[in-house]
C-alpha atoms as a PDB file:
ATOM      1  CA  MET A   1     -53.630   3.619  69.873  1.00  0.00           C
ATOM      2  CA  PRO A   2     -53.581  -0.521  70.055  1.00  0.00           C
ATOM      3  CA  ARG A   3     -52.612  -0.282  65.955  1.00  0.00           C
ATOM      4  CA  ARG A   4     -49.518   2.365  67.260  1.00  0.00           C
ATOM      5  CA  ALA A   5     -48.348   0.175  69.749  1.00  0.00           C
ATOM      6  CA  ALA A   6     -48.234  -2.844  67.831  1.00  0.00           C
ATOM      7  CA  SER A   7     -46.714  -0.853  64.792  1.00  0.00           C
ATOM      8  CA  ARG A   8     -43.705   0.630  67.281  1.00  0.00           C
ATOM      9  CA  ARG A   9     -42.998  -3.075  68.552  1.00  0.00           C
ATOM     10  CA  ALA A  10     -42.371  -4.139  65.043  1.00  0.00           C
ATOM     11  CA  ASP A  11     -40.337  -1.345  64.467  1.00  0.00           C
ATOM     12  CA  ARG A  12     -38.068  -1.925  67.348  1.00  0.00           C
ATOM     13  CA  ASP A  13     -37.785  -5.641  66.156  1.00  0.00           C
ATOM     14  CA  THR A  14     -37.293  -4.472  62.902  1.00  0.00           C
ATOM     15  CA  CYS A  15     -34.530  -1.831  63.509  1.00  0.00           C
ATOM     16  CA  HIS A  16     -32.208  -4.367  66.103  1.00  0.00           C
ATOM     17  CA  PRO A  17     -31.110  -7.747  63.540  1.00  0.00           C
ATOM     18  CA  ALA A  18     -28.459  -7.995  65.975  1.00  0.00           C
ATOM     19  CA  ALA A  19     -31.095  -8.964  69.081  1.00  0.00           C
ATOM     20  CA  GLU A  20     -32.033 -12.102  66.798  1.00  0.00           C
ATOM     21  CA  PHE A  21     -28.542 -12.374  65.014  1.00  0.00           C
ATOM     22  CA  GLY A  22     -26.909 -12.178  69.262  1.00  0.00           C
ATOM     23  CA  GLY A  23     -29.136 -15.127  69.927  1.00  0.00           C
ATOM     24  CA  MET A  24     -28.280 -17.175  67.172  1.00  0.00           C
ATOM     25  CA  ILE A  25     -24.036 -16.965  68.464  1.00  0.00           C
ATOM     26  CA  PRO A  26     -23.576 -20.141  70.756  1.00  0.00           C
ATOM     27  CA  ALA A  27     -22.355 -19.339  73.981  1.00  0.00           C
ATOM     28  CA  GLU A  28     -19.124 -21.476  73.434  1.00  0.00           C
ATOM     29  CA  SER A  29     -18.188 -19.059  70.411  1.00  0.00           C
ATOM     30  CA  ASN A  30     -19.001 -16.317  72.636  1.00  0.00           C
ATOM     31  CA  GLU A  31     -16.545 -17.098  75.455  1.00  0.00           C
ATOM     32  CA  THR A  32     -13.638 -17.926  72.444  1.00  0.00           C
ATOM     33  CA  MET A  33     -14.007 -14.275  71.850  1.00  0.00           C
ATOM     34  CA  ALA A  34     -13.695 -13.009  75.536  1.00  0.00           C
ATOM     35  CA  GLY A  35     -10.589 -15.682  75.618  1.00  0.00           C
ATOM     36  CA  GLU A  36      -9.553 -13.859  72.078  1.00  0.00           C
ATOM     37  CA  SER A  37     -10.179 -10.006  73.506  1.00  0.00           C
ATOM     38  CA  LYS A  38      -7.850 -10.683  76.613  1.00  0.00           C
ATOM     39  CA  SER A  39      -4.988 -12.452  74.709  1.00  0.00           C
ATOM     40  CA  VAL A  40      -4.594  -8.841  72.971  1.00  0.00           C
ATOM     41  CA  GLY A  41      -2.598  -7.226  75.584  1.00  0.00           C
ATOM     42  CA  GLU A  42      -0.728  -9.808  76.549  1.00  0.00           C
ATOM     43  CA  ALA A  43       3.348 -10.157  75.424  1.00  0.00           C
ATOM     44  CA  GLU A  44       4.193 -13.054  73.407  1.00  0.00           C
ATOM     45  CA  PRO A  45       6.544 -15.578  74.686  1.00  0.00           C
ATOM     46  CA  ALA A  46       9.838 -14.868  73.719  1.00  0.00           C
ATOM     47  CA  VAL A  47      11.076 -16.929  70.501  1.00  0.00           C
ATOM     48  CA  PRO A  48      14.358 -19.055  71.155  1.00  0.00           C
ATOM     49  CA  GLY A  49      16.310 -17.642  67.999  1.00  0.00           C
ATOM     50  CA  ARG A  50      15.547 -13.799  69.419  1.00  0.00           C
ATOM     51  CA  ARG A  51      17.250 -14.821  73.032  1.00  0.00           C
ATOM     52  CA  LEU A  52      20.544 -16.407  71.499  1.00  0.00           C
ATOM     53  CA  LEU A  53      20.490 -12.912  69.492  1.00  0.00           C
ATOM     54  CA  ARG A  54      20.732 -11.085  72.401  1.00  0.00           C
ATOM     55  CA  ALA A  55      22.995 -13.309  73.979  1.00  0.00           C
ATOM     56  CA  ALA A  56      25.338 -13.331  70.839  1.00  0.00           C
ATOM     57  CA  VAL A  57      25.550  -9.327  70.833  1.00  0.00           C
ATOM     58  CA  GLY A  58      26.186  -9.344  74.547  1.00  0.00           C
ATOM     59  CA  LEU A  59      29.238 -11.376  74.219  1.00  0.00           C
ATOM     60  CA  ARG A  60      30.521  -9.211  70.977  1.00  0.00           C
ATOM     61  CA  TYR A  61      30.298  -6.379  73.619  1.00  0.00           C
ATOM     62  CA  ALA A  62      31.651  -7.975  76.360  1.00  0.00           C
ATOM     63  CA  VAL A  63      34.665  -9.048  73.929  1.00  0.00           C
ATOM     64  CA  LEU A  64      35.372  -5.536  72.688  1.00  0.00           C
ATOM     65  CA  THR A  65      34.858  -4.198  76.182  1.00  0.00           C
ATOM     66  CA  ALA A  66      37.411  -6.526  76.971  1.00  0.00           C
ATOM     67  CA  VAL A  67      39.900  -5.958  73.945  1.00  0.00           C
ATOM     68  CA  VAL A  68      39.158  -2.169  74.634  1.00  0.00           C
ATOM     69  CA  LEU A  69      40.543  -2.173  78.165  1.00  0.00           C
ATOM     70  CA  GLY A  70      43.247  -4.611  77.358  1.00  0.00           C
ATOM     71  CA  ALA A  71      44.952  -2.034  75.362  1.00  0.00           C
ATOM     72  CA  VAL A  72      44.558   0.509  77.457  1.00  0.00           C
ATOM     73  CA  GLY A  73      46.236  -1.347  80.088  1.00  0.00           C
ATOM     74  CA  LEU A  74      49.056  -2.269  77.742  1.00  0.00           C
ATOM     75  CA  GLY A  75      49.414   1.317  76.866  1.00  0.00           C
ATOM     76  CA  ILE A  76      49.969   2.380  80.139  1.00  0.00           C
ATOM     77  CA  GLY A  77      51.741  -0.593  80.985  1.00  0.00           C
ATOM     78  CA  PHE A  78      54.407   0.574  77.662  1.00  0.00           C
ATOM     79  CA  ALA A  79      54.773   3.942  79.244  1.00  0.00           C
ATOM     80  CA  TRP A  80      55.249   2.837  82.954  1.00  0.00           C
ATOM     81  CA  PHE A  81      58.014   0.063  81.130  1.00  0.00           C
ATOM     82  CA  LEU A  82      59.785   2.810  79.326  1.00  0.00           C
ATOM     83  CA  THR A  83      60.309   4.618  82.626  1.00  0.00           C
ATOM     84  CA  ARG A  84      62.294   1.165  84.119  1.00  0.00           C
ATOM     85  CA  VAL A  85      64.338   1.469  80.989  1.00  0.00           C
ATOM     86  CA  PRO A  86      67.674   3.166  82.055  1.00  0.00           C
ATOM     87  CA  ASP A  87      68.425   6.465  79.552  1.00  0.00           C
ATOM     88  CA  GLU A  88      72.105   7.434  80.874  1.00  0.00           C
ATOM     89  CA  ASP A  89      75.063   5.786  81.082  1.00  0.00           C
ATOM     90  CA  ALA A  90      75.426   3.626  84.222  1.00  0.00           C
ATOM     91  CA  ALA A  91      78.359   5.444  86.632  1.00  0.00           C
ATOM     92  CA  ALA A  92      81.561   3.520  86.994  1.00  0.00           C
ATOM     93  CA  ASP A  93      81.777   4.059  90.643  1.00  0.00           C
ATOM     94  CA  ARG A  94      79.327   1.418  91.643  1.00  0.00           C
ATOM     95  CA  SER A  95      80.402  -2.078  92.742  1.00  0.00           C
ATOM     96  CA  ALA A  96      79.203  -4.985  94.763  1.00  0.00           C
ATOM     97  CA  GLU A  97      80.468  -8.550  95.830  1.00  0.00           C
ATOM     98  CA  GLY A  98      80.190 -10.229  92.731  1.00  0.00           C
ATOM     99  CA  ILE A  99      79.562  -9.074  88.814  1.00  0.00           C
ATOM    100  CA  VAL A 100      77.047 -11.139  86.689  1.00  0.00           C
ATOM    101  CA  VAL A 101      77.146 -10.242  82.742  1.00  0.00           C
ATOM    102  CA  LEU A 102      73.918 -11.579  80.602  1.00  0.00           C
ATOM    103  CA  THR A 103      75.194 -12.281  77.205  1.00  0.00           C
ATOM    104  CA  GLY A 104      73.980 -10.741  74.260  1.00  0.00           C
ATOM    105  CA  GLY A 105      76.286  -8.317  72.926  1.00  0.00           C
ATOM    106  CA  ALA A 106      79.825  -7.919  72.729  1.00  0.00           C
ATOM    107  CA  LEU A 107      80.076  -4.702  74.485  1.00  0.00           C
ATOM    108  CA  ARG A 108      78.110  -6.214  77.996  1.00  0.00           C
ATOM    109  CA  ILE A 109      81.153  -8.409  78.422  1.00  0.00           C
ATOM    110  CA  ASN A 110      83.860  -5.992  77.808  1.00  0.00           C
ATOM    111  CA  ASP A 111      82.207  -3.398  80.250  1.00  0.00           C
ATOM    112  CA  ALA A 112      81.913  -6.263  82.858  1.00  0.00           C
ATOM    113  CA  ILE A 113      85.389  -7.883  82.940  1.00  0.00           C
ATOM    114  CA  GLU A 114      86.507  -3.617  82.931  1.00  0.00           C
ATOM    115  CA  LEU A 115      84.457  -3.422  86.224  1.00  0.00           C
ATOM    116  CA  LEU A 116      86.094  -6.908  87.182  1.00  0.00           C
ATOM    117  CA  ALA A 117      89.532  -5.180  86.518  1.00  0.00           C
ATOM    118  CA  ALA A 118      88.422  -1.903  88.555  1.00  0.00           C
ATOM    119  CA  GLY A 119      87.811  -4.206  91.633  1.00  0.00           C
ATOM    120  CA  ARG A 120      84.415  -3.313  91.346  1.00  0.00           C
ATOM    121  CA  GLY A 121      84.021  -6.846  91.968  1.00  0.00           C
ATOM    122  CA  GLN A 122      85.314  -9.982  93.583  1.00  0.00           C
ATOM    123  CA  ARG A 123      84.430 -12.255  90.851  1.00  0.00           C
ATOM    124  CA  LEU A 124      82.539 -12.160  87.288  1.00  0.00           C
ATOM    125  CA  LEU A 125      80.161 -14.838  85.865  1.00  0.00           C
ATOM    126  CA  ILE A 126      79.562 -14.437  82.282  1.00  0.00           C
ATOM    127  CA  THR A 127      75.989 -16.625  81.959  1.00  0.00           C
ATOM    128  CA  GLY A 128      74.917 -18.088  78.666  1.00  0.00           C
ATOM    129  CA  VAL A 129      77.804 -18.096  76.696  1.00  0.00           C
ATOM    130  CA  ASN A 130      78.045 -20.365  73.972  1.00  0.00           C
ATOM    131  CA  PRO A 131      78.280 -24.097  74.516  1.00  0.00           C
ATOM    132  CA  THR A 132      81.701 -24.172  71.830  1.00  0.00           C
ATOM    133  CA  THR A 133      82.942 -21.052  73.053  1.00  0.00           C
ATOM    134  CA  HIS A 134      86.122 -21.390  75.377  1.00  0.00           C
ATOM    135  CA  PRO A 135      87.756 -19.456  78.267  1.00  0.00           C
ATOM    136  CA  ALA A 136      90.788 -18.678  75.542  1.00  0.00           C
ATOM    137  CA  GLU A 137      88.863 -17.442  72.830  1.00  0.00           C
ATOM    138  CA  LEU A 138      87.330 -14.336  74.767  1.00  0.00           C
ATOM    139  CA  ALA A 139      89.951 -13.574  76.699  1.00  0.00           C
ATOM    140  CA  ARG A 140      91.842 -12.601  72.993  1.00  0.00           C
ATOM    141  CA  LEU A 141      88.823 -10.845  72.931  1.00  0.00           C
ATOM    142  CA  VAL A 142      90.042  -8.454  76.215  1.00  0.00           C
ATOM    143  CA  PRO A 143      93.811  -9.283  75.608  1.00  0.00           C
ATOM    144  CA  GLN A 144      94.833  -6.700  78.761  1.00  0.00           C
ATOM    145  CA  TYR A 145      92.681  -8.611  80.684  1.00  0.00           C
ATOM    146  CA  GLN A 146      93.800 -11.834  79.464  1.00  0.00           C
ATOM    147  CA  LYS A 147      94.945 -13.078  83.750  1.00  0.00           C
ATOM    148  CA  LEU A 148      91.288 -12.440  85.057  1.00  0.00           C
ATOM    149  CA  PHE A 149      90.290 -15.539  83.177  1.00  0.00           C
ATOM    150  CA  GLY A 150      92.823 -17.557  85.200  1.00  0.00           C
ATOM    151  CA  CYS A 151      91.778 -16.759  88.286  1.00  0.00           C
ATOM    152  CA  CYS A 152      88.420 -14.376  88.796  1.00  0.00           C
ATOM    153  CA  ILE A 153      86.026 -15.289  85.760  1.00  0.00           C
ATOM    154  CA  ASP A 154      83.517 -18.184  85.498  1.00  0.00           C
ATOM    155  CA  LEU A 155      81.524 -18.963  82.042  1.00  0.00           C
ATOM    156  CA  ASP A 156      78.265 -20.686  82.224  1.00  0.00           C
ATOM    157  CA  HIS A 157      77.493 -22.629  79.069  1.00  0.00           C
ATOM    158  CA  THR A 158      74.148 -23.897  80.339  1.00  0.00           C
ATOM    159  CA  ALA A 159      71.594 -20.806  80.367  1.00  0.00           C
ATOM    160  CA  LEU A 160      69.545 -20.874  77.129  1.00  0.00           C
ATOM    161  CA  ASN A 161      67.721 -17.776  77.989  1.00  0.00           C
ATOM    162  CA  THR A 162      67.167 -14.918  80.532  1.00  0.00           C
ATOM    163  CA  ILE A 163      65.039 -17.147  83.056  1.00  0.00           C
ATOM    164  CA  GLY A 164      68.517 -19.650  82.585  1.00  0.00           C
ATOM    165  CA  ASN A 165      70.507 -16.257  83.651  1.00  0.00           C
ATOM    166  CA  ALA A 166      68.917 -16.091  86.620  1.00  0.00           C
ATOM    167  CA  VAL A 167      68.560 -19.762  87.467  1.00  0.00           C
ATOM    168  CA  GLU A 168      72.448 -19.836  86.985  1.00  0.00           C
ATOM    169  CA  THR A 169      73.693 -17.163  89.021  1.00  0.00           C
ATOM    170  CA  ARG A 170      71.592 -17.930  91.646  1.00  0.00           C
ATOM    171  CA  ARG A 171      73.417 -21.067  92.160  1.00  0.00           C
ATOM    172  CA  TRP A 172      77.049 -19.207  91.217  1.00  0.00           C
ATOM    173  CA  ALA A 173      75.690 -16.630  93.549  1.00  0.00           C
ATOM    174  CA  ARG A 174      75.071 -18.879  96.387  1.00  0.00           C
ATOM    175  CA  ALA A 175      78.144 -21.319  95.731  1.00  0.00           C
ATOM    176  CA  ARG A 176      80.273 -18.104  96.441  1.00  0.00           C
ATOM    177  CA  GLY A 177      78.285 -16.536  98.927  1.00  0.00           C
ATOM    178  CA  PHE A 178      77.848 -13.598  97.636  1.00  0.00           C
ATOM    179  CA  ARG A 179      75.207 -11.109  99.176  1.00  0.00           C
ATOM    180  CA  SER A 180      75.172  -8.293  96.346  1.00  0.00           C
ATOM    181  CA  LEU A 181      75.385  -8.383  92.379  1.00  0.00           C
ATOM    182  CA  LEU A 182      76.295  -5.947  90.250  1.00  0.00           C
ATOM    183  CA  VAL A 183      74.197  -6.665  87.010  1.00  0.00           C
ATOM    184  CA  VAL A 184      75.578  -6.305  83.749  1.00  0.00           C
ATOM    185  CA  THR A 185      72.931  -6.116  80.672  1.00  0.00           C
ATOM    186  CA  SER A 186      71.491  -3.797  77.758  1.00  0.00           C
ATOM    187  CA  ALA A 187      69.249  -1.005  78.744  1.00  0.00           C
ATOM    188  CA  TYR A 188      66.450  -2.502  76.982  1.00  0.00           C
ATOM    189  CA  HIS A 189      66.960  -5.862  78.679  1.00  0.00           C
ATOM    190  CA  MET A 190      67.718  -4.424  81.852  1.00  0.00           C
ATOM    191  CA  PRO A 191      63.603  -4.064  83.406  1.00  0.00           C
ATOM    192  CA  ARG A 192      63.141  -8.046  82.643  1.00  0.00           C
ATOM    193  CA  ALA A 193      66.538  -9.222  83.380  1.00  0.00           C
ATOM    194  CA  ILE A 194      66.163  -7.502  87.063  1.00  0.00           C
ATOM    195  CA  ALA A 195      62.812  -9.350  87.460  1.00  0.00           C
ATOM    196  CA  GLU A 196      64.010 -12.630  86.810  1.00  0.00           C
ATOM    197  CA  LEU A 197      67.298 -12.637  89.197  1.00  0.00           C
ATOM    198  CA  SER A 198      64.889 -10.953  92.159  1.00  0.00           C
ATOM    199  CA  HIS A 199      62.453 -13.985  91.636  1.00  0.00           C
ATOM    200  CA  ALA A 200      65.203 -15.866  91.607  1.00  0.00           C
ATOM    201  CA  LEU A 201      67.589 -13.923  94.470  1.00  0.00           C
ATOM    202  CA  PRO A 202      64.719 -12.231  96.634  1.00  0.00           C
ATOM    203  CA  ASP A 203      67.645 -12.048  99.155  1.00  0.00           C
ATOM    204  CA  VAL A 204      70.386 -10.089  97.248  1.00  0.00           C
ATOM    205  CA  THR A 205      70.955  -6.696  96.343  1.00  0.00           C
ATOM    206  CA  LEU A 206      70.802  -6.467  92.732  1.00  0.00           C
ATOM    207  CA  ILE A 207      72.875  -2.998  91.086  1.00  0.00           C
ATOM    208  CA  GLU A 208      71.723  -2.366  87.601  1.00  0.00           C
ATOM    209  CA  TYR A 209      74.400  -1.415  85.049  1.00  0.00           C
ATOM    210  CA  PRO A 210      72.854  -0.466  81.776  1.00  0.00           C
ATOM    211  CA  VAL A 211      75.171  -1.110  78.985  1.00  0.00           C
ATOM    212  CA  ARG A 212      73.850   1.533  75.925  1.00  0.00           C
ATOM    213  CA  THR A 213      75.095   1.328  72.362  1.00  0.00           C
ATOM    214  CA  GLU A 214      75.643   4.577  70.262  1.00  0.00           C
ATOM    215  CA  ARG A 215      72.642   4.128  68.124  1.00  0.00           C
ATOM    216  CA  GLU A 216      70.761   4.113  71.193  1.00  0.00           C
ATOM    217  CA  ARG A 217      72.776   7.221  72.820  1.00  0.00           C
ATOM    218  CA  ALA A 218      72.152   9.083  69.507  1.00  0.00           C
ATOM    219  CA  GLU A 219      68.386   8.614  68.925  1.00  0.00           C
ATOM    220  CA  PRO A 220      65.059   8.219  70.637  1.00  0.00           C
ATOM    221  CA  TRP A 221      63.794   4.780  69.730  1.00  0.00           C
ATOM    222  CA  TRP A 222      61.098   5.355  67.913  1.00  0.00           C
ATOM    223  CA  GLN A 223      62.796   6.776  65.375  1.00  0.00           C
ATOM    224  CA  ASN A 224      64.507   3.484  64.234  1.00  0.00           C
ATOM    225  CA  PRO A 225      62.307   0.991  63.026  1.00  0.00           C
ATOM    226  CA  THR A 226      65.086  -1.659  64.524  1.00  0.00           C
ATOM    227  CA  THR A 227      64.833  -0.709  68.126  1.00  0.00           C
ATOM    228  CA  ALA A 228      61.705   0.011  68.456  1.00  0.00           C
ATOM    229  CA  ARG A 229      60.733  -3.736  67.322  1.00  0.00           C
ATOM    230  CA  LEU A 230      63.531  -4.373  70.430  1.00  0.00           C
ATOM    231  CA  VAL A 231      61.893  -2.015  72.531  1.00  0.00           C
ATOM    232  CA  ILE A 232      58.244  -3.239  72.110  1.00  0.00           C
ATOM    233  CA  SER A 233      59.405  -7.407  71.840  1.00  0.00           C
ATOM    234  CA  GLU A 234      60.919  -6.735  75.045  1.00  0.00           C
ATOM    235  CA  TYR A 235      58.079  -5.181  77.211  1.00  0.00           C
ATOM    236  CA  LEU A 236      55.883  -8.130  75.473  1.00  0.00           C
ATOM    237  CA  LYS A 237      58.452 -10.378  77.402  1.00  0.00           C
ATOM    238  CA  TYR A 238      58.588  -8.341  80.431  1.00  0.00           C
ATOM    239  CA  VAL A 239      54.735  -8.475  81.030  1.00  0.00           C
ATOM    240  CA  TYR A 240      54.402 -12.329  80.086  1.00  0.00           C
ATOM    241  CA  ALA A 241      57.443 -12.483  83.011  1.00  0.00           C
ATOM    242  CA  LEU A 242      55.539 -10.846  85.626  1.00  0.00           C
ATOM    243  CA  MET A 243      52.151 -12.920  84.825  1.00  0.00           C
ATOM    244  CA  ARG A 244      54.247 -16.070  84.820  1.00  0.00           C
ATOM    245  CA  MET A 245      55.780 -15.236  88.437  1.00  0.00           C
ATOM    246  CA  HIS A 246      53.638 -13.597  90.074  1.00  0.00           C
ATOM    247  CA  VAL A 247      49.713 -14.638  88.501  1.00  0.00           C
ATOM    248  CA  LEU A 248      51.151 -18.177  87.778  1.00  0.00           C
ATOM    249  CA  GLN A 249      53.027 -17.925  90.969  1.00  0.00           C
ATOM    250  CA  ALA A 250      56.055 -19.979  89.145  1.00  0.00           C
ATOM    251  CA  PRO A 251      59.034 -21.056  91.457  1.00  0.00           C
ATOM    252  CA  PRO A 252      62.445 -19.516  90.711  1.00  0.00           C
ATOM    253  CA  ASP A 253      63.579 -23.186  89.122  1.00  0.00           C
ATOM    254  CA  GLY A 254      60.205 -23.488  87.866  1.00  0.00           C
ATOM    255  CA  HIS A 255      61.661 -24.000  83.751  1.00  0.00           C
ATOM    256  CA  ALA A 256      64.540 -26.184  83.633  1.00  0.00           C
ATOM    257  CA  VAL A 257      67.057 -25.111  81.713  1.00  0.00           C
ATOM    258  CA  ALA A 258      66.460 -27.787  78.631  1.00  0.00           C
ATOM    259  CA  GLY A 259      69.408 -29.480  76.766  1.00  0.00           C
ATOM    260  CA  ARG A 260      71.908 -28.704  79.573  1.00  0.00           C
ATOM    261  CA  ASP A 261      73.495 -30.101  82.300  1.00  0.00           C
ATOM    262  CA  ALA A 262      73.457 -27.360  85.183  1.00  0.00           C
ATOM    263  CA  ILE A 263      76.885 -26.684  86.546  1.00  0.00           C
ATOM    264  CA  ASP A 264      78.319 -27.301  90.116  1.00  0.00           C
ATOM    265  CA  TRP A 265      79.881 -23.836  91.289  1.00  0.00           C
ATOM    266  CA  GLY A 266      80.532 -25.345  94.736  1.00  0.00           C
END
């Protein structure tokens, strides 16, 4: 019996060498292993490069979203702009105290002078006339109405653009005491012209008199590349005008008319 007990104890010691080996491992090493086993389930700290990559991706999506929304907004705005463009000839019975025509086409001036001759206004302002152009030269274009240049037609050589047209029209209308104006310009230019004039003359009634060319009457704007470019250009200028007036809140006289002295209409 004692021999068998001693043999079993020897077998246990032989079959479990880890018990002996475990005693050879220092306590400090055991703690280190325990610490390493705890860190396995923990998340690794974010690398700065990854944060930058995520920020760049987020910025890219933000820019793309802004571009898409901007394009959609411009498309909707363009559709609305087209509804503001007159698509029919103006009625000849429109009248006001004064008539103003924005230069840019011979038909506009002829129609404006005919309106004045028909008694649709007391006086006519032709704004944006070339500085080298004199009343006699314009009078020769409409010989049947030459006498009107001596009594009832004023020329503005100051305005360089639609903003300048509005500024000079404002001075002219206030000097004459006019509270209503018949506005003569091209159909595609009309929305922007009315926007600028309304900003400069908020207390004056503006009546549209759009002038349409034969080409505009004969075919839709999208079928002619020249007309299409004109329409798109006018729309972009119209958007800029609205932003300048309502977002940037520019005053009516906020843009000086460069290079020319203002006319005293008094």
